[in-house]
């Protein structure tokens, strides 16, 4: 299992980067719902509609902030496992 609030890279030009997410940020909640690990965070984001705006609560350094991120549209979605 991934550590709570695990950090993942942020692709240049991605909706995450446009929304203010930075490499090293730890996603703690998606739309106010706490996420225990990166797997759950990814599933929560993928469950939202393309083009919708979500609010991520992230840990950055010793602080927390809320970022509004507009999800991409027109991108292929991965097949369910």
PDB file of N, CA and C in Angstrom:
ATOM      1  N   UNK A   1       0.853  -1.186   0.000  1.00  0.00           N
ATOM      2  CA  UNK A   1       0.000   0.000   0.000  1.00  0.00           C
ATOM      3  C   UNK A   1       0.890   1.236   0.000  1.00  0.00           C
ATOM      4  N   UNK A   2       0.455   2.244  -0.705  1.00  0.00           N
ATOM      5  CA  UNK A   2       1.185   3.505  -0.779  1.00  0.00           C
ATOM      6  C   UNK A   2       0.967   4.294   0.507  1.00  0.00           C
ATOM      7  N   UNK A   3       1.950   5.050   0.911  1.00  0.00           N
ATOM      8  CA  UNK A   3       1.840   5.853   2.125  1.00  0.00           C
ATOM      9  C   UNK A   3       0.748   6.900   1.987  1.00  0.00           C
ATOM     10  N   UNK A   4       0.041   7.236   3.089  1.00  0.00           N
ATOM     11  CA  UNK A   4      -0.994   8.277   3.024  1.00  0.00           C
ATOM     12  C   UNK A   4      -0.421   9.566   2.465  1.00  0.00           C
ATOM     13  N   UNK A   5      -1.189  10.166   1.570  1.00  0.00           N
ATOM     14  CA  UNK A   5      -0.763  11.427   1.001  1.00  0.00           C
ATOM     15  C   UNK A   5       0.465  11.314   0.125  1.00  0.00           C
ATOM     16  N   UNK A   6       0.637  10.164  -0.516  1.00  0.00           N
ATOM     17  CA  UNK A   6       1.828   9.962  -1.335  1.00  0.00           C
ATOM     18  C   UNK A   6       1.900  10.971  -2.470  1.00  0.00           C
ATOM     19  N   UNK A   7       3.097  11.410  -2.776  1.00  0.00           N
ATOM     20  CA  UNK A   7       3.318  12.381  -3.849  1.00  0.00           C
ATOM     21  C   UNK A   7       3.573  11.656  -5.157  1.00  0.00           C
ATOM     22  N   UNK A   8       3.126  12.235  -6.232  1.00  0.00           N
ATOM     23  CA  UNK A   8       3.353  11.706  -7.576  1.00  0.00           C
ATOM     24  C   UNK A   8       3.846  12.832  -8.458  1.00  0.00           C
ATOM     25  N   UNK A   9       4.522  12.494  -9.553  1.00  0.00           N
ATOM     26  CA  UNK A   9       4.979  13.546 -10.461  1.00  0.00           C
ATOM     27  C   UNK A   9       3.786  14.266 -11.098  1.00  0.00           C
ATOM     28  N   UNK A  10       4.006  15.496 -11.512  1.00  0.00           N
ATOM     29  CA  UNK A  10       2.972  16.294 -12.190  1.00  0.00           C
ATOM     30  C   UNK A  10       3.467  16.552 -13.603  1.00  0.00           C
ATOM     31  N   UNK A  11       2.700  16.092 -14.594  1.00  0.00           N
ATOM     32  CA  UNK A  11       3.108  16.271 -15.992  1.00  0.00           C
ATOM     33  C   UNK A  11       2.979  17.726 -16.410  1.00  0.00           C
ATOM     34  N   UNK A  12       3.965  18.198 -17.133  1.00  0.00           N
ATOM     35  CA  UNK A  12       3.938  19.562 -17.679  1.00  0.00           C
ATOM     36  C   UNK A  12       2.753  19.694 -18.624  1.00  0.00           C
ATOM     37  N   UNK A  13       1.996  20.777 -18.477  1.00  0.00           N
ATOM     38  CA  UNK A  13       0.852  21.051 -19.331  1.00  0.00           C
ATOM     39  C   UNK A  13      -0.403  20.294 -18.960  1.00  0.00           C
ATOM     40  N   UNK A  14      -0.367  19.515 -17.896  1.00  0.00           N
ATOM     41  CA  UNK A  14      -1.531  18.728 -17.482  1.00  0.00           C
ATOM     42  C   UNK A  14      -2.538  19.600 -16.742  1.00  0.00           C
ATOM     43  N   UNK A  15      -3.802  19.143 -16.633  1.00  0.00           N
ATOM     44  CA  UNK A  15      -4.783  19.865 -15.825  1.00  0.00           C
ATOM     45  C   UNK A  15      -4.325  20.025 -14.369  1.00  0.00           C
ATOM     46  N   UNK A  16      -3.625  19.020 -13.844  1.00  0.00           N
ATOM     47  CA  UNK A  16      -3.126  19.111 -12.466  1.00  0.00           C
ATOM     48  C   UNK A  16      -2.168  20.285 -12.324  1.00  0.00           C
ATOM     49  N   UNK A  17      -1.244  20.416 -13.274  1.00  0.00           N
ATOM     50  CA  UNK A  17      -0.300  21.527 -13.227  1.00  0.00           C
ATOM     51  C   UNK A  17      -1.036  22.857 -13.394  1.00  0.00           C
ATOM     52  N   UNK A  18      -1.980  22.908 -14.327  1.00  0.00           N
ATOM     53  CA  UNK A  18      -2.749  24.140 -14.545  1.00  0.00           C
ATOM     54  C   UNK A  18      -3.533  24.532 -13.296  1.00  0.00           C
ATOM     55  N   UNK A  19      -3.948  23.545 -12.504  1.00  0.00           N
ATOM     56  CA  UNK A  19      -4.691  23.815 -11.272  1.00  0.00           C
ATOM     57  C   UNK A  19      -3.811  24.187 -10.093  1.00  0.00           C
ATOM     58  N   UNK A  20      -2.481  24.121 -10.279  1.00  0.00           N
ATOM     59  CA  UNK A  20      -1.564  24.533  -9.219  1.00  0.00           C
ATOM     60  C   UNK A  20      -0.866  23.402  -8.504  1.00  0.00           C
ATOM     61  N   UNK A  21      -1.150  22.145  -8.871  1.00  0.00           N
ATOM     62  CA  UNK A  21      -0.477  21.020  -8.236  1.00  0.00           C
ATOM     63  C   UNK A  21       0.988  21.021  -8.637  1.00  0.00           C
ATOM     64  N   UNK A  22       1.859  20.738  -7.685  1.00  0.00           N
ATOM     65  CA  UNK A  22       3.302  20.710  -7.925  1.00  0.00           C
ATOM     66  C   UNK A  22       3.862  19.349  -7.562  1.00  0.00           C
ATOM     67  N   UNK A  23       4.985  19.015  -8.193  1.00  0.00           N
ATOM     68  CA  UNK A  23       5.685  17.787  -7.821  1.00  0.00           C
ATOM     69  C   UNK A  23       5.979  17.852  -6.330  1.00  0.00           C
ATOM     70  N   UNK A  24       5.744  16.762  -5.639  1.00  0.00           N
ATOM     71  CA  UNK A  24       5.980  16.716  -4.198  1.00  0.00           C
ATOM     72  C   UNK A  24       4.745  17.002  -3.365  1.00  0.00           C
ATOM     73  N   UNK A  25       3.675  17.585  -3.972  1.00  0.00           N
ATOM     74  CA  UNK A  25       2.429  17.787  -3.229  1.00  0.00           C
ATOM     75  C   UNK A  25       1.835  16.426  -2.876  1.00  0.00           C
ATOM     76  N   UNK A  26       1.218  16.344  -1.720  1.00  0.00           N
ATOM     77  CA  UNK A  26       0.561  15.119  -1.278  1.00  0.00           C
ATOM     78  C   UNK A  26      -0.944  15.346  -1.293  1.00  0.00           C
ATOM     79  N   UNK A  27      -1.678  14.568  -2.078  1.00  0.00           N
ATOM     80  CA  UNK A  27      -3.138  14.708  -2.125  1.00  0.00           C
ATOM     81  C   UNK A  27      -3.712  14.071  -0.875  1.00  0.00           C
ATOM     82  N   UNK A  28      -4.420  14.885  -0.100  1.00  0.00           N
ATOM     83  CA  UNK A  28      -4.996  14.438   1.163  1.00  0.00           C
ATOM     84  C   UNK A  28      -6.498  14.202   1.061  1.00  0.00           C
ATOM     85  N   UNK A  29      -7.173  14.953   0.164  1.00  0.00           N
ATOM     86  CA  UNK A  29      -8.629  14.818   0.012  1.00  0.00           C
ATOM     87  C   UNK A  29      -9.020  15.240  -1.396  1.00  0.00           C
ATOM     88  N   UNK A  30     -10.098  14.627  -1.891  1.00  0.00           N
ATOM     89  CA  UNK A  30     -10.693  14.977  -3.175  1.00  0.00           C
ATOM     90  C   UNK A  30     -12.125  15.394  -2.892  1.00  0.00           C
ATOM     91  N   UNK A  31     -12.470  16.629  -3.226  1.00  0.00           N
ATOM     92  CA  UNK A  31     -13.798  17.188  -2.949  1.00  0.00           C
ATOM     93  C   UNK A  31     -14.199  16.998  -1.490  1.00  0.00           C
ATOM     94  N   UNK A  32     -13.235  17.184  -0.603  1.00  0.00           N
ATOM     95  CA  UNK A  32     -13.510  17.114   0.835  1.00  0.00           C
ATOM     96  C   UNK A  32     -13.496  15.715   1.420  1.00  0.00           C
ATOM     97  N   UNK A  33     -13.350  14.690   0.587  1.00  0.00           N
ATOM     98  CA  UNK A  33     -13.313  13.307   1.062  1.00  0.00           C
ATOM     99  C   UNK A  33     -11.864  12.876   1.226  1.00  0.00           C
ATOM    100  N   UNK A  34     -11.493  12.521   2.456  1.00  0.00           N
ATOM    101  CA  UNK A  34     -10.120  12.110   2.728  1.00  0.00           C
ATOM    102  C   UNK A  34      -9.755  10.885   1.905  1.00  0.00           C
ATOM    103  N   UNK A  35      -8.527  10.848   1.416  1.00  0.00           N
ATOM    104  CA  UNK A  35      -8.031   9.702   0.664  1.00  0.00           C
ATOM    105  C   UNK A  35      -6.829   9.126   1.411  1.00  0.00           C
ATOM    106  N   UNK A  36      -6.860   7.834   1.726  1.00  0.00           N
ATOM    107  CA  UNK A  36      -5.795   7.254   2.540  1.00  0.00           C
ATOM    108  C   UNK A  36      -4.506   6.994   1.782  1.00  0.00           C
ATOM    109  N   UNK A  37      -4.584   6.894   0.454  1.00  0.00           N
ATOM    110  CA  UNK A  37      -3.377   6.612  -0.314  1.00  0.00           C
ATOM    111  C   UNK A  37      -3.590   7.058  -1.762  1.00  0.00           C
ATOM    112  N   UNK A  38      -2.512   6.983  -2.547  1.00  0.00           N
ATOM    113  CA  UNK A  38      -2.549   7.456  -3.930  1.00  0.00           C
ATOM    114  C   UNK A  38      -3.538   6.672  -4.781  1.00  0.00           C
ATOM    115  N   UNK A  39      -3.668   5.380  -4.542  1.00  0.00           N
ATOM    116  CA  UNK A  39      -4.597   4.547  -5.317  1.00  0.00           C
ATOM    117  C   UNK A  39      -6.025   5.047  -5.166  1.00  0.00           C
ATOM    118  N   UNK A  40      -6.414   5.364  -3.965  1.00  0.00           N
ATOM    119  CA  UNK A  40      -7.770   5.866  -3.707  1.00  0.00           C
ATOM    120  C   UNK A  40      -7.938   7.265  -4.296  1.00  0.00           C
ATOM    121  N   UNK A  41      -6.903   8.089  -4.221  1.00  0.00           N
ATOM    122  CA  UNK A  41      -6.966   9.435  -4.800  1.00  0.00           C
ATOM    123  C   UNK A  41      -7.189   9.357  -6.304  1.00  0.00           C
ATOM    124  N   UNK A  42      -6.443   8.486  -6.978  1.00  0.00           N
ATOM    125  CA  UNK A  42      -6.591   8.332  -8.426  1.00  0.00           C
ATOM    126  C   UNK A  42      -7.990   7.828  -8.769  1.00  0.00           C
ATOM    127  N   UNK A  43      -8.491   6.861  -8.031  1.00  0.00           N
ATOM    128  CA  UNK A  43      -9.837   6.338  -8.290  1.00  0.00           C
ATOM    129  C   UNK A  43     -10.895   7.425  -8.093  1.00  0.00           C
ATOM    130  N   UNK A  44     -10.727   8.258  -7.074  1.00  0.00           N
ATOM    131  CA  UNK A  44     -11.686   9.338  -6.811  1.00  0.00           C
ATOM    132  C   UNK A  44     -11.695  10.341  -7.955  1.00  0.00           C
ATOM    133  N   UNK A  45     -10.532  10.688  -8.458  1.00  0.00           N
ATOM    134  CA  UNK A  45     -10.458  11.644  -9.572  1.00  0.00           C
ATOM    135  C   UNK A  45     -11.048  11.022 -10.831  1.00  0.00           C
ATOM    136  N   UNK A  46     -10.714   9.779 -11.108  1.00  0.00           N
ATOM    137  CA  UNK A  46     -11.225   9.114 -12.321  1.00  0.00           C
ATOM    138  C   UNK A  46     -12.732   8.916 -12.289  1.00  0.00           C
ATOM    139  N   UNK A  47     -13.325   8.921 -11.100  1.00  0.00           N
ATOM    140  CA  UNK A  47     -14.780   8.728 -11.005  1.00  0.00           C
ATOM    141  C   UNK A  47     -15.555  10.008 -11.352  1.00  0.00           C
ATOM    142  N   UNK A  48     -14.851  11.135 -11.457  1.00  0.00           N
ATOM    143  CA  UNK A  48     -15.500  12.407 -11.784  1.00  0.00           C
ATOM    144  C   UNK A  48     -15.612  12.561 -13.292  1.00  0.00           C
ATOM    145  N   UNK A  49     -16.562  13.390 -13.724  1.00  0.00           N
ATOM    146  CA  UNK A  49     -16.778  13.609 -15.152  1.00  0.00           C
ATOM    147  C   UNK A  49     -15.659  14.442 -15.764  1.00  0.00           C
ATOM    148  N   UNK A  50     -15.217  14.076 -16.973  1.00  0.00           N
ATOM    149  CA  UNK A  50     -14.264  14.931 -17.684  1.00  0.00           C
ATOM    150  C   UNK A  50     -14.859  16.327 -17.857  1.00  0.00           C
ATOM    151  N   UNK A  51     -14.049  17.330 -17.666  1.00  0.00           N
ATOM    152  CA  UNK A  51     -14.498  18.714 -17.787  1.00  0.00           C
ATOM    153  C   UNK A  51     -15.032  19.307 -16.498  1.00  0.00           C
ATOM    154  N   UNK A  52     -15.283  18.462 -15.486  1.00  0.00           N
ATOM    155  CA  UNK A  52     -15.767  18.994 -14.213  1.00  0.00           C
ATOM    156  C   UNK A  52     -14.601  19.549 -13.408  1.00  0.00           C
ATOM    157  N   UNK A  53     -14.912  20.342 -12.419  1.00  0.00           N
ATOM    158  CA  UNK A  53     -13.892  20.914 -11.546  1.00  0.00           C
ATOM    159  C   UNK A  53     -13.956  20.217 -10.200  1.00  0.00           C
ATOM    160  N   UNK A  54     -12.804  19.790  -9.720  1.00  0.00           N
ATOM    161  CA  UNK A  54     -12.715  19.157  -8.403  1.00  0.00           C
ATOM    162  C   UNK A  54     -11.842  20.019  -7.499  1.00  0.00           C
ATOM    163  N   UNK A  55     -11.992  19.815  -6.210  1.00  0.00           N
ATOM    164  CA  UNK A  55     -11.158  20.522  -5.239  1.00  0.00           C
ATOM    165  C   UNK A  55     -10.260  19.494  -4.569  1.00  0.00           C
ATOM    166  N   UNK A  56      -8.960  19.713  -4.705  1.00  0.00           N
ATOM    167  CA  UNK A  56      -7.985  18.849  -4.058  1.00  0.00           C
ATOM    168  C   UNK A  56      -7.442  19.557  -2.827  1.00  0.00           C
ATOM    169  N   UNK A  57      -7.410  18.857  -1.718  1.00  0.00           N
ATOM    170  CA  UNK A  57      -6.711  19.345  -0.538  1.00  0.00           C
ATOM    171  C   UNK A  57      -5.353  18.675  -0.579  1.00  0.00           C
ATOM    172  N   UNK A  58      -4.305  19.482  -0.607  1.00  0.00           N
ATOM    173  CA  UNK A  58      -2.959  18.935  -0.728  1.00  0.00           C
ATOM    174  C   UNK A  58      -2.083  19.406   0.422  1.00  0.00           C
ATOM    175  N   UNK A  59      -1.138  18.559   0.763  1.00  0.00           N
ATOM    176  CA  UNK A  59      -0.104  18.930   1.706  1.00  0.00           C
ATOM    177  C   UNK A  59       1.095  19.398   0.909  1.00  0.00           C
ATOM    178  N   UNK A  60       1.582  20.553   1.252  1.00  0.00           N
ATOM    179  CA  UNK A  60       2.779  21.106   0.593  1.00  0.00           C
ATOM    180  C   UNK A  60       3.682  21.630   1.698  1.00  0.00           C
ATOM    181  N   UNK A  61       4.853  21.016   1.799  1.00  0.00           N
ATOM    182  CA  UNK A  61       5.734  21.383   2.902  1.00  0.00           C
ATOM    183  C   UNK A  61       5.031  21.070   4.218  1.00  0.00           C
ATOM    184  N   UNK A  62       4.992  22.039   5.120  1.00  0.00           N
ATOM    185  CA  UNK A  62       4.321  21.821   6.399  1.00  0.00           C
ATOM    186  C   UNK A  62       2.891  22.351   6.393  1.00  0.00           C
ATOM    187  N   UNK A  63       2.415  22.865   5.250  1.00  0.00           N
ATOM    188  CA  UNK A  63       1.071  23.424   5.186  1.00  0.00           C
ATOM    189  C   UNK A  63       0.119  22.611   4.331  1.00  0.00           C
ATOM    190  N   UNK A  64      -1.110  23.098   4.280  1.00  0.00           N
ATOM    191  CA  UNK A  64      -2.157  22.503   3.451  1.00  0.00           C
ATOM    192  C   UNK A  64      -2.792  23.595   2.629  1.00  0.00           C
ATOM    193  N   UNK A  65      -3.227  23.231   1.425  1.00  0.00           N
ATOM    194  CA  UNK A  65      -3.990  24.187   0.626  1.00  0.00           C
ATOM    195  C   UNK A  65      -5.009  23.456  -0.221  1.00  0.00           C
ATOM    196  N   UNK A  66      -5.976  24.238  -0.693  1.00  0.00           N
ATOM    197  CA  UNK A  66      -7.031  23.693  -1.542  1.00  0.00           C
ATOM    198  C   UNK A  66      -6.847  24.237  -2.945  1.00  0.00           C
ATOM    199  N   UNK A  67      -6.883  23.330  -3.914  1.00  0.00           N
ATOM    200  CA  UNK A  67      -6.694  23.701  -5.306  1.00  0.00           C
ATOM    201  C   UNK A  67      -7.906  23.260  -6.122  1.00  0.00           C
ATOM    202  N   UNK A  68      -8.402  24.137  -6.969  1.00  0.00           N
ATOM    203  CA  UNK A  68      -9.476  23.773  -7.899  1.00  0.00           C
ATOM    204  C   UNK A  68      -8.827  23.326  -9.200  1.00  0.00           C
ATOM    205  N   UNK A  69      -9.181  22.130  -9.639  1.00  0.00           N
ATOM    206  CA  UNK A  69      -8.592  21.560 -10.844  1.00  0.00           C
ATOM    207  C   UNK A  69      -9.713  21.167 -11.797  1.00  0.00           C
ATOM    208  N   UNK A  70      -9.635  21.682 -13.025  1.00  0.00           N
ATOM    209  CA  UNK A  70     -10.618  21.310 -14.050  1.00  0.00           C
ATOM    210  C   UNK A  70     -10.074  20.091 -14.768  1.00  0.00           C
ATOM    211  N   UNK A  71     -10.850  19.004 -14.755  1.00  0.00           N
ATOM    212  CA  UNK A  71     -10.413  17.757 -15.368  1.00  0.00           C
ATOM    213  C   UNK A  71     -10.426  17.863 -16.884  1.00  0.00           C
ATOM    214  N   UNK A  72      -9.495  17.186 -17.501  1.00  0.00           N
ATOM    215  CA  UNK A  72      -9.366  17.197 -18.960  1.00  0.00           C
ATOM    216  C   UNK A  72     -10.573  16.553 -19.623  1.00  0.00           C
ATOM    217  N   UNK A  73     -10.822  16.955 -20.845  1.00  0.00           N
ATOM    218  CA  UNK A  73     -11.869  16.338 -21.648  1.00  0.00           C
ATOM    219  C   UNK A  73     -11.226  15.733 -22.889  1.00  0.00           C
ATOM    220  N   UNK A  74     -11.879  14.750 -23.445  1.00  0.00           N
ATOM    221  CA  UNK A  74     -11.416  14.183 -24.701  1.00  0.00           C
ATOM    222  C   UNK A  74     -10.208  13.280 -24.609  1.00  0.00           C
ATOM    223  N   UNK A  75      -9.792  12.940 -23.409  1.00  0.00           N
ATOM    224  CA  UNK A  75      -8.667  12.024 -23.262  1.00  0.00           C
ATOM    225  C   UNK A  75      -9.202  10.610 -23.060  1.00  0.00           C
ATOM    226  N   UNK A  76      -8.527   9.600 -23.595  1.00  0.00           N
ATOM    227  CA  UNK A  76      -8.998   8.229 -23.369  1.00  0.00           C
ATOM    228  C   UNK A  76      -8.904   7.891 -21.900  1.00  0.00           C
ATOM    229  N   UNK A  77      -9.921   7.215 -21.403  1.00  0.00           N
ATOM    230  CA  UNK A  77      -9.935   6.786 -20.016  1.00  0.00           C
ATOM    231  C   UNK A  77      -9.456   5.342 -19.958  1.00  0.00           C
ATOM    232  N   UNK A  78      -8.654   4.997 -18.966  1.00  0.00           N
ATOM    233  CA  UNK A  78      -8.158   3.632 -18.874  1.00  0.00           C
ATOM    234  C   UNK A  78      -9.300   2.647 -18.636  1.00  0.00           C
ATOM    235  N   UNK A  79      -9.125   1.450 -19.153  1.00  0.00           N
ATOM    236  CA  UNK A  79     -10.134   0.408 -18.958  1.00  0.00           C
ATOM    237  C   UNK A  79     -10.158  -0.012 -17.493  1.00  0.00           C
ATOM    238  N   UNK A  80     -11.341  -0.314 -16.960  1.00  0.00           N
ATOM    239  CA  UNK A  80     -11.414  -0.790 -15.562  1.00  0.00           C
ATOM    240  C   UNK A  80     -10.655  -2.087 -15.411  1.00  0.00           C
ATOM    241  N   UNK A  81     -10.100  -2.298 -14.242  1.00  0.00           N
ATOM    242  CA  UNK A  81      -9.343  -3.535 -13.987  1.00  0.00           C
ATOM    243  C   UNK A  81     -10.232  -4.564 -13.369  1.00  0.00           C
TER     244      UNK A  81
END
